[in-house]
PDB file of N, CA and C in Angstrom:
ATOM      1  N   MET A   1       0.823  -1.201   0.000  1.00  0.00           N
ATOM      2  CA  MET A   1       0.000   0.000   0.000  1.00  0.00           C
ATOM      3  C   MET A   1       0.861   1.256   0.000  1.00  0.00           C
ATOM      4  N   ILE A   2       1.943   1.260   0.787  1.00  0.00           N
ATOM      5  CA  ILE A   2       2.815   2.427   0.860  1.00  0.00           C
ATOM      6  C   ILE A   2       3.518   2.656  -0.476  1.00  0.00           C
ATOM      7  N   THR A   3       3.943   1.616  -1.129  1.00  0.00           N
ATOM      8  CA  THR A   3       4.588   1.789  -2.432  1.00  0.00           C
ATOM      9  C   THR A   3       3.611   2.306  -3.473  1.00  0.00           C
ATOM     10  N   LEU A   4       2.364   1.896  -3.356  1.00  0.00           N
ATOM     11  CA  LEU A   4       1.342   2.427  -4.269  1.00  0.00           C
ATOM     12  C   LEU A   4       1.196   3.931  -4.082  1.00  0.00           C
ATOM     13  N   TRP A   5       1.142   4.398  -2.844  1.00  0.00           N
ATOM     14  CA  TRP A   5       1.010   5.830  -2.560  1.00  0.00           C
ATOM     15  C   TRP A   5       2.230   6.592  -3.084  1.00  0.00           C
ATOM     16  N   ARG A   6       3.403   6.058  -2.853  1.00  0.00           N
ATOM     17  CA  ARG A   6       4.632   6.712  -3.334  1.00  0.00           C
ATOM     18  C   ARG A   6       4.641   6.818  -4.857  1.00  0.00           C
ATOM     19  N   ARG A   7       4.142   5.811  -5.482  1.00  0.00           N
ATOM     20  CA  ARG A   7       4.170   5.774  -6.931  1.00  0.00           C
ATOM     21  C   ARG A   7       3.135   6.724  -7.546  1.00  0.00           C
ATOM     22  N   TYR A   8       1.932   6.820  -6.969  1.00  0.00           N
ATOM     23  CA  TYR A   8       0.834   7.587  -7.575  1.00  0.00           C
ATOM     24  C   TYR A   8       0.411   8.813  -6.775  1.00  0.00           C
ATOM     25  N   SER A   9       1.131   9.179  -5.747  1.00  0.00           N
ATOM     26  CA  SER A   9       0.731  10.310  -4.908  1.00  0.00           C
ATOM     27  C   SER A   9       0.641  11.610  -5.702  1.00  0.00           C
ATOM     28  N   PHE A  10       1.594  11.858  -6.580  1.00  0.00           N
ATOM     29  CA  PHE A  10       1.569  13.087  -7.376  1.00  0.00           C
ATOM     30  C   PHE A  10       0.302  13.159  -8.220  1.00  0.00           C
ATOM     31  N   ILE A  11      -0.082  12.100  -8.855  1.00  0.00           N
ATOM     32  CA  ILE A  11      -1.276  12.079  -9.705  1.00  0.00           C
ATOM     33  C   ILE A  11      -2.537  12.270  -8.865  1.00  0.00           C
ATOM     34  N   ILE A  12      -2.611  11.611  -7.724  1.00  0.00           N
ATOM     35  CA  ILE A  12      -3.784  11.729  -6.852  1.00  0.00           C
ATOM     36  C   ILE A  12      -3.934  13.156  -6.345  1.00  0.00           C
ATOM     37  N   VAL A  13      -2.844  13.759  -5.882  1.00  0.00           N
ATOM     38  CA  VAL A  13      -2.878  15.145  -5.392  1.00  0.00           C
ATOM     39  C   VAL A  13      -3.241  16.098  -6.529  1.00  0.00           C
ATOM     40  N   PHE A  14      -2.679  15.894  -7.715  1.00  0.00           N
ATOM     41  CA  PHE A  14      -2.974  16.740  -8.867  1.00  0.00           C
ATOM     42  C   PHE A  14      -4.461  16.682  -9.226  1.00  0.00           C
ATOM     43  N   ILE A  15      -5.044  15.512  -9.272  1.00  0.00           N
ATOM     44  CA  ILE A  15      -6.468  15.358  -9.590  1.00  0.00           C
ATOM     45  C   ILE A  15      -7.326  16.017  -8.517  1.00  0.00           C
ATOM     46  N   PHE A  16      -6.975  15.839  -7.256  1.00  0.00           N
ATOM     47  CA  PHE A  16      -7.726  16.443  -6.164  1.00  0.00           C
ATOM     48  C   PHE A  16      -7.693  17.974  -6.248  1.00  0.00           C
ATOM     49  N   ILE A  17      -6.521  18.556  -6.475  1.00  0.00           N
ATOM     50  CA  ILE A  17      -6.403  20.022  -6.579  1.00  0.00           C
ATOM     51  C   ILE A  17      -7.163  20.529  -7.798  1.00  0.00           C
ATOM     52  N   THR A  18      -7.069  19.834  -8.914  1.00  0.00           N
ATOM     53  CA  THR A  18      -7.800  20.223 -10.119  1.00  0.00           C
ATOM     54  C   THR A  18      -9.305  20.190  -9.872  1.00  0.00           C
ATOM     55  N   PHE A  19      -9.779  19.191  -9.187  1.00  0.00           N
ATOM     56  CA  PHE A  19     -11.192  19.070  -8.849  1.00  0.00           C
ATOM     57  C   PHE A  19     -11.647  20.250  -7.981  1.00  0.00           C
ATOM     58  N   LEU A  20     -10.882  20.586  -6.950  1.00  0.00           N
ATOM     59  CA  LEU A  20     -11.226  21.717  -6.085  1.00  0.00           C
ATOM     60  C   LEU A  20     -11.217  23.044  -6.842  1.00  0.00           C
ATOM     61  N   MET A  21     -10.256  23.238  -7.718  1.00  0.00           N
ATOM     62  CA  MET A  21     -10.198  24.469  -8.517  1.00  0.00           C
ATOM     63  C   MET A  21     -11.401  24.572  -9.448  1.00  0.00           C
ATOM     64  N   GLY A  22     -11.793  23.468 -10.032  1.00  0.00           N
ATOM     65  CA  GLY A  22     -12.969  23.462 -10.903  1.00  0.00           C
ATOM     66  C   GLY A  22     -14.229  23.850 -10.159  1.00  0.00           C
ATOM     67  N   ILE A  23     -14.416  23.313  -8.972  1.00  0.00           N
ATOM     68  CA  ILE A  23     -15.582  23.668  -8.150  1.00  0.00           C
ATOM     69  C   ILE A  23     -15.547  25.143  -7.798  1.00  0.00           C
ATOM     70  N   TYR A  24     -14.390  25.668  -7.435  1.00  0.00           N
ATOM     71  CA  TYR A  24     -14.265  27.088  -7.083  1.00  0.00           C
ATOM     72  C   TYR A  24     -14.608  27.977  -8.277  1.00  0.00           C
ATOM     73  N   ILE A  25     -14.095  27.676  -9.443  1.00  0.00           N
ATOM     74  CA  ILE A  25     -14.340  28.490 -10.638  1.00  0.00           C
ATOM     75  C   ILE A  25     -15.819  28.482 -11.001  1.00  0.00           C
ATOM     76  N   ILE A  26     -16.433  27.328 -10.973  1.00  0.00           N
ATOM     77  CA  ILE A  26     -17.858  27.226 -11.318  1.00  0.00           C
ATOM     78  C   ILE A  26     -18.711  27.984 -10.310  1.00  0.00           C
ATOM     79  N   SER A  27     -18.432  27.840  -9.039  1.00  0.00           N
ATOM     80  CA  SER A  27     -19.248  28.518  -8.026  1.00  0.00           C
ATOM     81  C   SER A  27     -19.047  30.020  -8.045  1.00  0.00           C
ATOM     82  N   SER A  28     -17.844  30.504  -8.293  1.00  0.00           N
ATOM     83  CA  SER A  28     -17.611  31.954  -8.326  1.00  0.00           C
ATOM     84  C   SER A  28     -18.254  32.586  -9.548  1.00  0.00           C
ATOM     85  N   LYS A  29     -18.269  31.900 -10.667  1.00  0.00           N
ATOM     86  CA  LYS A  29     -18.863  32.447 -11.891  1.00  0.00           C
ATOM     87  C   LYS A  29     -20.382  32.538 -11.760  1.00  0.00           C
ATOM     88  N   THR A  30     -21.031  31.517 -11.259  1.00  0.00           N
ATOM     89  CA  THR A  30     -22.489  31.539 -11.150  1.00  0.00           C
ATOM     90  C   THR A  30     -22.953  32.537 -10.115  1.00  0.00           C
ATOM     91  N   SER A  31     -22.207  32.726  -9.036  1.00  0.00           N
ATOM     92  CA  SER A  31     -22.648  33.669  -8.013  1.00  0.00           C
ATOM     93  C   SER A  31     -22.566  35.098  -8.507  1.00  0.00           C
ATOM     94  N   SER A  32     -21.553  35.452  -9.316  1.00  0.00           N
ATOM     95  CA  SER A  32     -21.448  36.824  -9.813  1.00  0.00           C
ATOM     96  C   SER A  32     -22.500  37.112 -10.873  1.00  0.00           C
ATOM     97  N   GLU A  33     -22.878  36.110 -11.659  1.00  0.00           N
ATOM     98  CA  GLU A  33     -23.889  36.340 -12.688  1.00  0.00           C
ATOM     99  C   GLU A  33     -25.299  36.422 -12.111  1.00  0.00           C
ATOM    100  N   GLN A  34     -25.518  35.825 -10.966  1.00  0.00           N
ATOM    101  CA  GLN A  34     -26.854  35.828 -10.396  1.00  0.00           C
ATOM    102  C   GLN A  34     -27.149  37.084  -9.595  1.00  0.00           C
ATOM    103  N   THR A  35     -26.123  37.904  -9.375  1.00  0.00           N
ATOM    104  CA  THR A  35     -26.349  39.158  -8.675  1.00  0.00           C
ATOM    105  C   THR A  35     -27.166  40.053  -9.594  1.00  0.00           C
ATOM    106  N   HIS A  36     -28.256  40.556  -9.096  1.00  0.00           N
ATOM    107  CA  HIS A  36     -29.098  41.404  -9.925  1.00  0.00           C
ATOM    108  C   HIS A  36     -29.635  42.562  -9.095  1.00  0.00           C
ATOM    109  N   LEU A  37     -30.180  43.513  -9.791  1.00  0.00           N
ATOM    110  CA  LEU A  37     -30.752  44.694  -9.165  1.00  0.00           C
ATOM    111  C   LEU A  37     -32.263  44.597  -9.271  1.00  0.00           C
ATOM    112  N   THR A  38     -32.949  44.717  -8.151  1.00  0.00           N
ATOM    113  CA  THR A  38     -34.410  44.719  -8.141  1.00  0.00           C
ATOM    114  C   THR A  38     -34.863  46.093  -7.670  1.00  0.00           C
ATOM    115  N   VAL A  39     -35.695  46.733  -8.487  1.00  0.00           N
ATOM    116  CA  VAL A  39     -36.187  48.072  -8.177  1.00  0.00           C
ATOM    117  C   VAL A  39     -37.697  48.006  -8.028  1.00  0.00           C
ATOM    118  N   THR A  40     -38.218  48.528  -6.930  1.00  0.00           N
ATOM    119  CA  THR A  40     -39.654  48.616  -6.728  1.00  0.00           C
ATOM    120  C   THR A  40     -40.108  49.998  -7.184  1.00  0.00           C
ATOM    121  N   VAL A  41     -41.054  50.028  -8.090  1.00  0.00           N
ATOM    122  CA  VAL A  41     -41.543  51.279  -8.659  1.00  0.00           C
ATOM    123  C   VAL A  41     -42.333  52.052  -7.594  1.00  0.00           C
ATOM    124  N   GLN A  42     -41.988  53.306  -7.431  1.00  0.00           N
ATOM    125  CA  GLN A  42     -42.671  54.189  -6.486  1.00  0.00           C
ATOM    126  C   GLN A  42     -43.657  55.081  -7.249  1.00  0.00           C
ATOM    127  N   GLU A  43     -44.553  55.704  -6.526  1.00  0.00           N
ATOM    128  CA  GLU A  43     -45.529  56.628  -7.126  1.00  0.00           C
ATOM    129  C   GLU A  43     -44.776  57.746  -7.853  1.00  0.00           C
ATOM    130  N   GLY A  44     -45.123  57.976  -9.112  1.00  0.00           N
ATOM    131  CA  GLY A  44     -44.507  59.037  -9.909  1.00  0.00           C
ATOM    132  C   GLY A  44     -43.254  58.621 -10.660  1.00  0.00           C
ATOM    133  N   ASP A  45     -42.787  57.391 -10.476  1.00  0.00           N
ATOM    134  CA  ASP A  45     -41.598  56.917 -11.194  1.00  0.00           C
ATOM    135  C   ASP A  45     -41.919  56.630 -12.651  1.00  0.00           C
ATOM    136  N   SER A  46     -40.925  56.815 -13.486  1.00  0.00           N
ATOM    137  CA  SER A  46     -41.016  56.426 -14.896  1.00  0.00           C
ATOM    138  C   SER A  46     -39.763  55.616 -15.215  1.00  0.00           C
ATOM    139  N   LEU A  47     -39.758  54.961 -16.361  1.00  0.00           N
ATOM    140  CA  LEU A  47     -38.561  54.211 -16.747  1.00  0.00           C
ATOM    141  C   LEU A  47     -37.355  55.142 -16.821  1.00  0.00           C
ATOM    142  N   TRP A  48     -37.580  56.338 -17.331  1.00  0.00           N
ATOM    143  CA  TRP A  48     -36.482  57.287 -17.483  1.00  0.00           C
ATOM    144  C   TRP A  48     -35.945  57.716 -16.111  1.00  0.00           C
ATOM    145  N   SER A  49     -36.822  58.020 -15.165  1.00  0.00           N
ATOM    146  CA  SER A  49     -36.348  58.469 -13.842  1.00  0.00           C
ATOM    147  C   SER A  49     -35.617  57.353 -13.102  1.00  0.00           C
ATOM    148  N   ILE A  50     -36.094  56.128 -13.226  1.00  0.00           N
ATOM    149  CA  ILE A  50     -35.411  54.990 -12.598  1.00  0.00           C
ATOM    150  C   ILE A  50     -34.053  54.778 -13.249  1.00  0.00           C
ATOM    151  N   SER A  51     -34.025  54.840 -14.572  1.00  0.00           N
ATOM    152  CA  SER A  51     -32.770  54.645 -15.303  1.00  0.00           C
ATOM    153  C   SER A  51     -31.761  55.737 -14.964  1.00  0.00           C
ATOM    154  N   LYS A  52     -32.247  56.951 -14.873  1.00  0.00           N
ATOM    155  CA  LYS A  52     -31.367  58.072 -14.557  1.00  0.00           C
ATOM    156  C   LYS A  52     -30.752  57.892 -13.166  1.00  0.00           C
ATOM    157  N   GLN A  53     -31.525  57.352 -12.257  1.00  0.00           N
ATOM    158  CA  GLN A  53     -31.067  57.142 -10.887  1.00  0.00           C
ATOM    159  C   GLN A  53     -29.949  56.100 -10.811  1.00  0.00           C
ATOM    160  N   TYR A  54     -30.030  55.030 -11.595  1.00  0.00           N
ATOM    161  CA  TYR A  54     -29.077  53.922 -11.484  1.00  0.00           C
ATOM    162  C   TYR A  54     -28.022  53.874 -12.582  1.00  0.00           C
ATOM    163  N   ALA A  55     -28.254  54.484 -13.717  1.00  0.00           N
ATOM    164  CA  ALA A  55     -27.360  54.348 -14.861  1.00  0.00           C
ATOM    165  C   ALA A  55     -25.942  54.816 -14.559  1.00  0.00           C
ATOM    166  N   GLU A  56     -25.800  55.970 -13.977  1.00  0.00           N
ATOM    167  CA  GLU A  56     -24.468  56.508 -13.706  1.00  0.00           C
ATOM    168  C   GLU A  56     -23.705  55.623 -12.729  1.00  0.00           C
ATOM    169  N   GLU A  57     -24.400  55.093 -11.744  1.00  0.00           N
ATOM    170  CA  GLU A  57     -23.777  54.234 -10.745  1.00  0.00           C
ATOM    171  C   GLU A  57     -23.130  53.007 -11.374  1.00  0.00           C
ATOM    172  N   TYR A  58     -23.736  52.480 -12.441  1.00  0.00           N
ATOM    173  CA  TYR A  58     -23.222  51.279 -13.093  1.00  0.00           C
ATOM    174  C   TYR A  58     -22.467  51.579 -14.383  1.00  0.00           C
ATOM    175  N   GLY A  59     -22.234  52.853 -14.684  1.00  0.00           N
ATOM    176  CA  GLY A  59     -21.453  53.217 -15.859  1.00  0.00           C
ATOM    177  C   GLY A  59     -22.161  52.959 -17.171  1.00  0.00           C
ATOM    178  N   ILE A  60     -23.461  53.117 -17.186  1.00  0.00           N
ATOM    179  CA  ILE A  60     -24.283  52.882 -18.373  1.00  0.00           C
ATOM    180  C   ILE A  60     -25.034  54.170 -18.672  1.00  0.00           C
ATOM    181  N   SER A  61     -25.277  54.448 -19.939  1.00  0.00           N
ATOM    182  CA  SER A  61     -26.058  55.637 -20.263  1.00  0.00           C
ATOM    183  C   SER A  61     -27.518  55.402 -19.862  1.00  0.00           C
ATOM    184  N   THR A  62     -28.233  56.488 -19.642  1.00  0.00           N
ATOM    185  CA  THR A  62     -29.634  56.393 -19.233  1.00  0.00           C
ATOM    186  C   THR A  62     -30.470  55.686 -20.291  1.00  0.00           C
ATOM    187  N   ALA A  63     -30.233  56.006 -21.567  1.00  0.00           N
ATOM    188  CA  ALA A  63     -30.983  55.376 -22.659  1.00  0.00           C
ATOM    189  C   ALA A  63     -30.735  53.865 -22.708  1.00  0.00           C
ATOM    190  N   GLN A  64     -29.482  53.450 -22.498  1.00  0.00           N
ATOM    191  CA  GLN A  64     -29.165  52.021 -22.493  1.00  0.00           C
ATOM    192  C   GLN A  64     -29.849  51.320 -21.320  1.00  0.00           C
ATOM    193  N   PHE A  65     -29.885  51.985 -20.173  1.00  0.00           N
ATOM    194  CA  PHE A  65     -30.514  51.393 -18.998  1.00  0.00           C
ATOM    195  C   PHE A  65     -32.016  51.228 -19.226  1.00  0.00           C
ATOM    196  N   VAL A  66     -32.645  52.200 -19.893  1.00  0.00           N
ATOM    197  CA  VAL A  66     -34.075  52.075 -20.235  1.00  0.00           C
ATOM    198  C   VAL A  66     -34.287  50.856 -21.116  1.00  0.00           C
ATOM    199  N   LYS A  67     -33.418  50.676 -22.128  1.00  0.00           N
ATOM    200  CA  LYS A  67     -33.545  49.523 -23.029  1.00  0.00           C
ATOM    201  C   LYS A  67     -33.401  48.202 -22.266  1.00  0.00           C
ATOM    202  N   ILE A  68     -32.470  48.168 -21.320  1.00  0.00           N
ATOM    203  CA  ILE A  68     -32.271  46.950 -20.530  1.00  0.00           C
ATOM    204  C   ILE A  68     -33.519  46.639 -19.707  1.00  0.00           C
ATOM    205  N   ILE A  69     -34.061  47.651 -19.040  1.00  0.00           N
ATOM    206  CA  ILE A  69     -35.271  47.449 -18.233  1.00  0.00           C
ATOM    207  C   ILE A  69     -36.417  46.959 -19.108  1.00  0.00           C
ATOM    208  N   GLU A  70     -36.602  47.588 -20.265  1.00  0.00           N
ATOM    209  CA  GLU A  70     -37.682  47.172 -21.170  1.00  0.00           C
ATOM    210  C   GLU A  70     -37.487  45.742 -21.646  1.00  0.00           C
ATOM    211  N   LYS A  71     -36.266  45.413 -22.045  1.00  0.00           N
ATOM    212  CA  LYS A  71     -35.985  44.083 -22.584  1.00  0.00           C
ATOM    213  C   LYS A  71     -36.173  42.994 -21.528  1.00  0.00           C
ATOM    214  N   GLU A  72     -35.609  43.183 -20.362  1.00  0.00           N
ATOM    215  CA  GLU A  72     -35.624  42.145 -19.333  1.00  0.00           C
ATOM    216  C   GLU A  72     -36.961  41.999 -18.614  1.00  0.00           C
ATOM    217  N   ASN A  73     -37.798  43.026 -18.666  1.00  0.00           N
ATOM    218  CA  ASN A  73     -39.094  42.965 -17.992  1.00  0.00           C
ATOM    219  C   ASN A  73     -40.265  42.985 -18.979  1.00  0.00           C
ATOM    220  N   GLN A  74     -39.975  42.807 -20.270  1.00  0.00           N
ATOM    221  CA  GLN A  74     -40.987  42.792 -21.337  1.00  0.00           C
ATOM    222  C   GLN A  74     -41.953  43.978 -21.204  1.00  0.00           C
ATOM    223  N   LEU A  75     -41.401  45.178 -21.201  1.00  0.00           N
ATOM    224  CA  LEU A  75     -42.199  46.384 -20.991  1.00  0.00           C
ATOM    225  C   LEU A  75     -42.335  47.249 -22.243  1.00  0.00           C
ATOM    226  N   TYR A  76     -42.081  46.744 -23.397  1.00  0.00           N
ATOM    227  CA  TYR A  76     -42.091  47.550 -24.611  1.00  0.00           C
ATOM    228  C   TYR A  76     -43.407  48.292 -24.759  1.00  0.00           C
ATOM    229  N   GLY A  77     -43.343  49.608 -24.557  1.00  0.00           N
ATOM    230  CA  GLY A  77     -44.528  50.451 -24.725  1.00  0.00           C
ATOM    231  C   GLY A  77     -45.526  50.379 -23.590  1.00  0.00           C
ATOM    232  N   LYS A  78     -45.226  49.659 -22.524  1.00  0.00           N
ATOM    233  CA  LYS A  78     -46.157  49.523 -21.407  1.00  0.00           C
ATOM    234  C   LYS A  78     -45.860  50.575 -20.347  1.00  0.00           C
ATOM    235  N   VAL A  79     -46.873  50.935 -19.607  1.00  0.00           N
ATOM    236  CA  VAL A  79     -46.733  51.882 -18.511  1.00  0.00           C
ATOM    237  C   VAL A  79     -46.417  51.094 -17.245  1.00  0.00           C
ATOM    238  N   ILE A  80     -45.462  51.587 -16.463  1.00  0.00           N
ATOM    239  CA  ILE A  80     -45.159  50.912 -15.200  1.00  0.00           C
ATOM    240  C   ILE A  80     -46.040  51.488 -14.099  1.00  0.00           C
ATOM    241  N   LYS A  81     -46.364  50.643 -13.142  1.00  0.00           N
ATOM    242  CA  LYS A  81     -47.276  51.040 -12.068  1.00  0.00           C
ATOM    243  C   LYS A  81     -46.562  50.972 -10.723  1.00  0.00           C
ATOM    244  N   SER A  82     -47.013  51.782  -9.803  1.00  0.00           N
ATOM    245  CA  SER A  82     -46.469  51.810  -8.458  1.00  0.00           C
ATOM    246  C   SER A  82     -46.593  50.417  -7.829  1.00  0.00           C
ATOM    247  N   GLY A  83     -45.506  49.954  -7.203  1.00  0.00           N
ATOM    248  CA  GLY A  83     -45.505  48.640  -6.561  1.00  0.00           C
ATOM    249  C   GLY A  83     -44.911  47.541  -7.412  1.00  0.00           C
ATOM    250  N   GLU A  84     -44.801  47.746  -8.720  1.00  0.00           N
ATOM    251  CA  GLU A  84     -44.186  46.745  -9.600  1.00  0.00           C
ATOM    252  C   GLU A  84     -42.714  46.596  -9.254  1.00  0.00           C
ATOM    253  N   GLN A  85     -42.193  45.407  -9.478  1.00  0.00           N
ATOM    254  CA  GLN A  85     -40.762  45.196  -9.284  1.00  0.00           C
ATOM    255  C   GLN A  85     -40.104  44.963 -10.630  1.00  0.00           C
ATOM    256  N   LEU A  86     -39.061  45.728 -10.893  1.00  0.00           N
ATOM    257  CA  LEU A  86     -38.292  45.601 -12.127  1.00  0.00           C
ATOM    258  C   LEU A  86     -36.957  44.957 -11.783  1.00  0.00           C
ATOM    259  N   VAL A  87     -36.549  43.985 -12.592  1.00  0.00           N
ATOM    260  CA  VAL A  87     -35.315  43.251 -12.341  1.00  0.00           C
ATOM    261  C   VAL A  87     -34.322  43.525 -13.461  1.00  0.00           C
ATOM    262  N   ILE A  88     -33.090  43.835 -13.069  1.00  0.00           N
ATOM    263  CA  ILE A  88     -32.003  44.016 -14.020  1.00  0.00           C
ATOM    264  C   ILE A  88     -30.939  42.983 -13.670  1.00  0.00           C
ATOM    265  N   PRO A  89     -30.710  41.978 -14.548  1.00  0.00           N
ATOM    266  CA  PRO A  89     -29.738  40.926 -14.263  1.00  0.00           C
ATOM    267  C   PRO A  89     -28.319  41.477 -14.123  1.00  0.00           C
ATOM    268  N   GLY A  90     -27.532  40.818 -13.294  1.00  0.00           N
ATOM    269  CA  GLY A  90     -26.156  41.231 -13.036  1.00  0.00           C
ATOM    270  C   GLY A  90     -25.268  41.212 -14.259  1.00  0.00           C
ATOM    271  N   GLU A  91     -25.601  40.399 -15.254  1.00  0.00           N
ATOM    272  CA  GLU A  91     -24.769  40.344 -16.452  1.00  0.00           C
ATOM    273  C   GLU A  91     -24.707  41.686 -17.157  1.00  0.00           C
ATOM    274  N   TYR A  92     -25.762  42.491 -17.061  1.00  0.00           N
ATOM    275  CA  TYR A  92     -25.751  43.827 -17.648  1.00  0.00           C
ATOM    276  C   TYR A  92     -25.018  44.819 -16.760  1.00  0.00           C
ATOM    277  N   ILE A  93     -25.217  44.689 -15.477  1.00  0.00           N
ATOM    278  CA  ILE A  93     -24.626  45.632 -14.534  1.00  0.00           C
ATOM    279  C   ILE A  93     -23.109  45.509 -14.521  1.00  0.00           C
ATOM    280  N   HIS A  94     -22.593  44.292 -14.672  1.00  0.00           N
ATOM    281  CA  HIS A  94     -21.163  44.061 -14.583  1.00  0.00           C
ATOM    282  C   HIS A  94     -20.487  43.954 -15.943  1.00  0.00           C
ATOM    283  N   SER A  95     -21.167  44.347 -17.018  1.00  0.00           N
ATOM    284  CA  SER A  95     -20.611  44.249 -18.360  1.00  0.00           C
ATOM    285  C   SER A  95     -19.859  45.515 -18.727  1.00  0.00           C
ATOM    286  N   SER A  96     -18.925  45.348 -19.651  1.00  0.00           N
ATOM    287  CA  SER A  96     -18.238  46.519 -20.187  1.00  0.00           C
ATOM    288  C   SER A  96     -19.175  47.192 -21.197  1.00  0.00           C
ATOM    289  N   PRO A  97     -18.946  48.465 -21.517  1.00  0.00           N
ATOM    290  CA  PRO A  97     -19.821  49.157 -22.476  1.00  0.00           C
ATOM    291  C   PRO A  97     -19.912  48.466 -23.842  1.00  0.00           C
ATOM    292  N   SER A  98     -18.811  47.884 -24.336  1.00  0.00           N
ATOM    293  CA  SER A  98     -18.862  47.207 -25.634  1.00  0.00           C
ATOM    294  C   SER A  98     -19.696  45.926 -25.559  1.00  0.00           C
ATOM    295  N   GLN A  99     -19.588  45.178 -24.467  1.00  0.00           N
ATOM    296  CA  GLN A  99     -20.403  43.975 -24.287  1.00  0.00           C
ATOM    297  C   GLN A  99     -21.874  44.346 -24.184  1.00  0.00           C
ATOM    298  N   LEU A 100     -22.151  45.459 -23.538  1.00  0.00           N
ATOM    299  CA  LEU A 100     -23.523  45.915 -23.358  1.00  0.00           C
ATOM    300  C   LEU A 100     -24.143  46.276 -24.697  1.00  0.00           C
ATOM    301  N   LYS A 101     -23.402  46.964 -25.559  1.00  0.00           N
ATOM    302  CA  LYS A 101     -23.914  47.324 -26.882  1.00  0.00           C
ATOM    303  C   LYS A 101     -24.227  46.075 -27.699  1.00  0.00           C
ATOM    304  N   MET A 102     -23.365  45.072 -27.614  1.00  0.00           N
ATOM    305  CA  MET A 102     -23.602  43.824 -28.350  1.00  0.00           C
ATOM    306  C   MET A 102     -24.846  43.131 -27.814  1.00  0.00           C
ATOM    307  N   ALA A 103     -25.034  43.107 -26.510  1.00  0.00           N
ATOM    308  CA  ALA A 103     -26.208  42.440 -25.920  1.00  0.00           C
ATOM    309  C   ALA A 103     -27.489  43.142 -26.315  1.00  0.00           C
ATOM    310  N   LEU A 104     -27.474  44.462 -26.382  1.00  0.00           N
ATOM    311  CA  LEU A 104     -28.672  45.206 -26.741  1.00  0.00           C
ATOM    312  C   LEU A 104     -29.015  45.056 -28.218  1.00  0.00           C
ATOM    313  N   LYS A 105     -28.038  44.808 -29.068  1.00  0.00           N
ATOM    314  CA  LYS A 105     -28.310  44.624 -30.500  1.00  0.00           C
ATOM    315  C   LYS A 105     -28.935  43.257 -30.789  1.00  0.00           C
ATOM    316  N   GLU A 106     -28.819  42.319 -29.863  1.00  0.00           N
ATOM    317  CA  GLU A 106     -29.345  40.967 -30.061  1.00  0.00           C
ATOM    318  C   GLU A 106     -30.838  40.863 -29.824  1.00  0.00           C
ATOM    319  N   GLU A 107     -31.493  41.967 -29.610  1.00  0.00           N
ATOM    320  CA  GLU A 107     -32.955  41.960 -29.371  1.00  0.00           C
ATOM    321  C   GLU A 107     -33.583  41.347 -30.559  1.00  0.00           C
TER     322      GLU A 107
END
């Protein structure tokens, strides 16, 4: 048994470390993508006012933020009402401006 361990210990340790790294990478990627912004519509809010409030914070133009809200909440041409919850997925919030433009063109 001891000679077996001496002979294959490097391979066993390598597989174990690779397995742990794979689990870490998968869990860190899914947790960052699932982070999202949920906004509850208040009396007098509009898509533009909500977008203006959050767009600068995330480095997105107000117009782009309006498009994201419309796309992700299926609001094309609809009026938002007080109490509604609007969700913006983390993939948009954490994207670079070029990635964001590509995502918006895929409508």
